Amino acid sequence: MYRVEREILDEKRLEELSQRLDPSQTHTPFSQRLKNSLRCSVPRLKHTVVGFLPVLYWLPRYSLWDYGMPDLISGISVGIMHLPQGMAYALLASLPLVYGLYSSFYPALVYFFFGSSRHISVGTFTILSIMVGGVTERLGPDVNFLINNETEEVNITARDLYRVQVAAATTVLAGSIQVILGLLHFGFVGTYLSEPLVRAYTSAAAVHAVVAQIKNIFGVSPSRFSGPLSLIYTLVDVCRLLPNTHLPTLVVSVLSIIVLFTAKEINNRCRKRLPVPVPVELIVIVLGTLISFYAHLNKTYEISVVGEIPSGIQAPTVPNTSIFREVVVDAFALAIVGYAISVSLGKTFALKHGYKIDSSQELVALGLSNAVSGFFQCFSVCASMSRSLIQETTGGRTQMAGVTSSVIVLVTMLKLGPLFQELPKAVLAAIVFVNLKGMFKQYTDIVTLWRSNKMDLLVWLVTWVSTVLFNLDMGLAASISFTILTVIFRTQSPRYSVLGNLPGTELYLDMETHREVREVPGITIFRSSATVYFANAELYLEALKEKSGLDITKMITYKRRQEAKQRKRDMRAARRARRQAKRQKQALRAASQRHKGDVFSVEEEAGQLGERGGAFTQEEESGWKDRENSTVFVMPETPHNSWVYLKGTDPETTTLGSMSDLQDGDITTLGSSSEDTLSRDLERVSLGSLDNS
C-alpha cells in the first residue's frame, strides 16, 4: 500500500510548480517549419531519396548467398499463382484475359522500387476486380454495342476496347489519388477503416463475385443491372434462367470446384511437409485446356472458352481523360479499399518479421503502381492475401521474389498466352469461387462479435447489408459514414466507473464489478473511458453525480457565489478606504489654512537669535510662552555649541536634552487634531542645515 502526502494542487498551482513552458516555446512557428522543410543538406537529401526509393536502402545490402535461393523459389511459386488468378480476375473485371496478365506484371515491377514491405505480392485481387467490373459494365453495357437490335448480337471487340479504356482511366485516377494522399502524409486514413468494416465489406464483395460468376458456372446469360439493389435483380433473373442451365458447362464447373477444393485442403494439411505448395490452380488450368483442346468442348458441347489471347506486350497509351469525371467516385473507393488491404497485410508481415513499413510511403508506392500500370491498360491492383501468404511461407525475404514472379508472367505473355485459348471460362469461374472460401469463413465473425462487442457487430452488419444492397462504391460510403457515427456515439456514451483499491496492491478497479475492491477514505476516483469534450460534458457531470454523489453544478454555483460575495466585500473596503483618505486630506487642507500664521521656522528663529547674540527680551520670552501650547522649542545651549530641545505641554515640567538625544516620538503634536500641520512642519526640519548654521 502506497502512502503519498503532498499539498492539494489546482491547475494553476501545478503549472507554477512544474514551470510549464509557454506554447510559443514548445511549438515551432510555421515560418520556421517551412524554412526547415526547404533547407537542403546532404544527409537530408539522402534521407529523402532513400525514403522515396526504399530499394536504394536494401538492395546494396542484398546478400545473394542468404536471400537469393529463397527469393527465387518464392518468386516462382507466386508467379505460377499469378497466371490463373490474373486470367480469372480479368473475368471479374469484365475484361479480356490478357489484361489480367498485364496487371500481374507491371505493378509488381513498380512496387519493387517504391514499396517498403518485403513480403506482400502486388497484383490482381478479387475485391478490386469486382469493383472495376462494376464500373466497366456500368459505362460499357452490352446494349451500347449491339450490332443488330433484333438478334441482340454484340460487337465484342468494340465493347472490350471501350471497357479497357474505362478500366485504365479509373486505374490512373485511383493511383493519382493514392499518390497525392501519400505525399500529403494521409497514410492514417486507413485507420478509419476498422477491422469489422473491412471484413464485412470483403464478405459482401464475395457475394457480388459469386453472383457475377454464376453466368459462367451455369452457362446462362442474365441481364446486367446497375445501381442500388442490382444484386437482388440479378439473382432474381438468374433464378428465372435456371431452367435454361447449360449442363456441360455446369459439369465442368462442378468438377473443377471439387478438384480445386480437395487439392487445396490437402495442401493446407500437408503444408508443413511440403517445401512449396502444389500449384493446384495452374494444374487445373493446364488440364482444363488440354481436355478442352482434344475433346473439342467448344465445338462439340458449346462450352464457352476464353478465346484469342494476344502474345507480347502493348505500348503505353494516354488514358481517356474524358472518363475521369464519370469514375471519380469509383476511383476514390478503389484507392481507399486497395490501400487498406495492402497496408494491413504489410503491417502484419512487418510485425511478424521485425521490421517497420511507412504507411504514407506504401500509399505512394501503391499509387505509382496503379498510375504507371494504367498507361499499359492494366486495371486496379493491390496486395493479394493468398499470394502474399505464399510468398512469405515459401521463404521470400525481399521484393526480389516479386521481380521473379513478374518474369514468369512476362514469359507467359510473350510465348505461352496463345496456348490457353481453349481454356473453358467455367474453370476460371471455379477458381474464383474456390478462392472466395476464406471470405465466406468471415461470417463466423458474427458469433465472435456478438460475444465480445455488440457495437462492432452492428458495424459489421450495417456494412454487409449496405454493400450488398447499394453496390460496392455506395456501400463503402455508407459503411464509413456509419462507422464515424458510432465513434461519435461512443464518445457521448462512454463507460463511467468509480475506482477503488484492491487491498494489498497498488491496483485500482471498478467497484461495481469487483467485490473485494475498497474505496479510499476521503478520496473519490472517477474514471471515464472517453475524453471529455463539448458533446459529452453534460453527460459526464450527470454520471459523476450519479456515481459519486458529487453535484459539481451546485459546487460551482456555491463557489461562484462566495467569490461574488468576496468581491463585494473588497469593493466596499476599497470605497471606505477612499472615503477615509479623502476626509483626511480635506482635514489636513483645512488645518493648514487655519494655522498658517502660527507656523514658524526654526531656521529663521535661530538666525534672529544669532544676530542678537543670544539675548532675549522679556517680551520675546512671553511671546514664546504664548506659542508654547504643545509646540516643540529648539534653542542653542550656547551660541557655538549643540542644539537643545524643550518638549512638553506644561512649561513648568519641560525637559532639556541635546539634539543627538532626539528620538521618534519626541515631537509633540497639538492637542487638537486640526493642528497636525505644526507637527508635520517640525518633522520636516533639516537637521543638516541646523548643524551648518
Foldseek 3Di string as FASTA:
>chain_A
DDDDDDDDDDPVRVCVVVVDDDPPVVDDDPVVVVVVVPDDDDVVVVVVVCLQFVCVVCVVVDDCVVFVVLLLQLLVQLLLVQQLVLQLLCVLLVAASLLSLLQQFQLLVLLQGQFDFFQFRKGAAQLQSNLNNQQLCVVQPQVVAAPDPVVSHGPVVVSNVVSLLLQLLLLQLLLVVLQVCLVVVVLCVLVLCDPLLLLLLLLLSLLSLLLSCPCQQQVHDFDQDDFFQRSVVSVVRVVVCNVVGQVVSNVLLVVLLVQVLVLVVVQVVCVVVDLAGDSSLSVSLVVLLVCCVVVVCCVPSVFAASAAQAADFDDFDDRDNVCCVVCVLSSNLLNNSQLSVQVVVSVVVCVVVPHDTRSSSNSNSQSCSRNVSSRRSHGHMHTYPVSSVSSVSSRRGGSSSSVSSSVSSNCCRHPVVRSSRSRGSSSSSSVSSNVCPVSNVSVCVLVVCVVPPVLSNVLSVQLNVLCNRGPSSRSSVRSSVVSVVVVVVCQQDWDKAKWFAQPPDPDIDGCVVDPRGDHDPPDIHIDTPHDDDDNRVVVVQVVCCVHPVDNVVVVVVVVVVVVVVVVVVVVVVVVVVVVVVVVVVVLQVVLCVVCVVLADALVVVLVVCVVVQNDDDPVVVVVCVVSLQQAKDKDPPHNQDFIWIWGDRDPVPTDIDGPVPDDPPRRGFHPDPSNRVNSVVVVPHDVVVVNVD
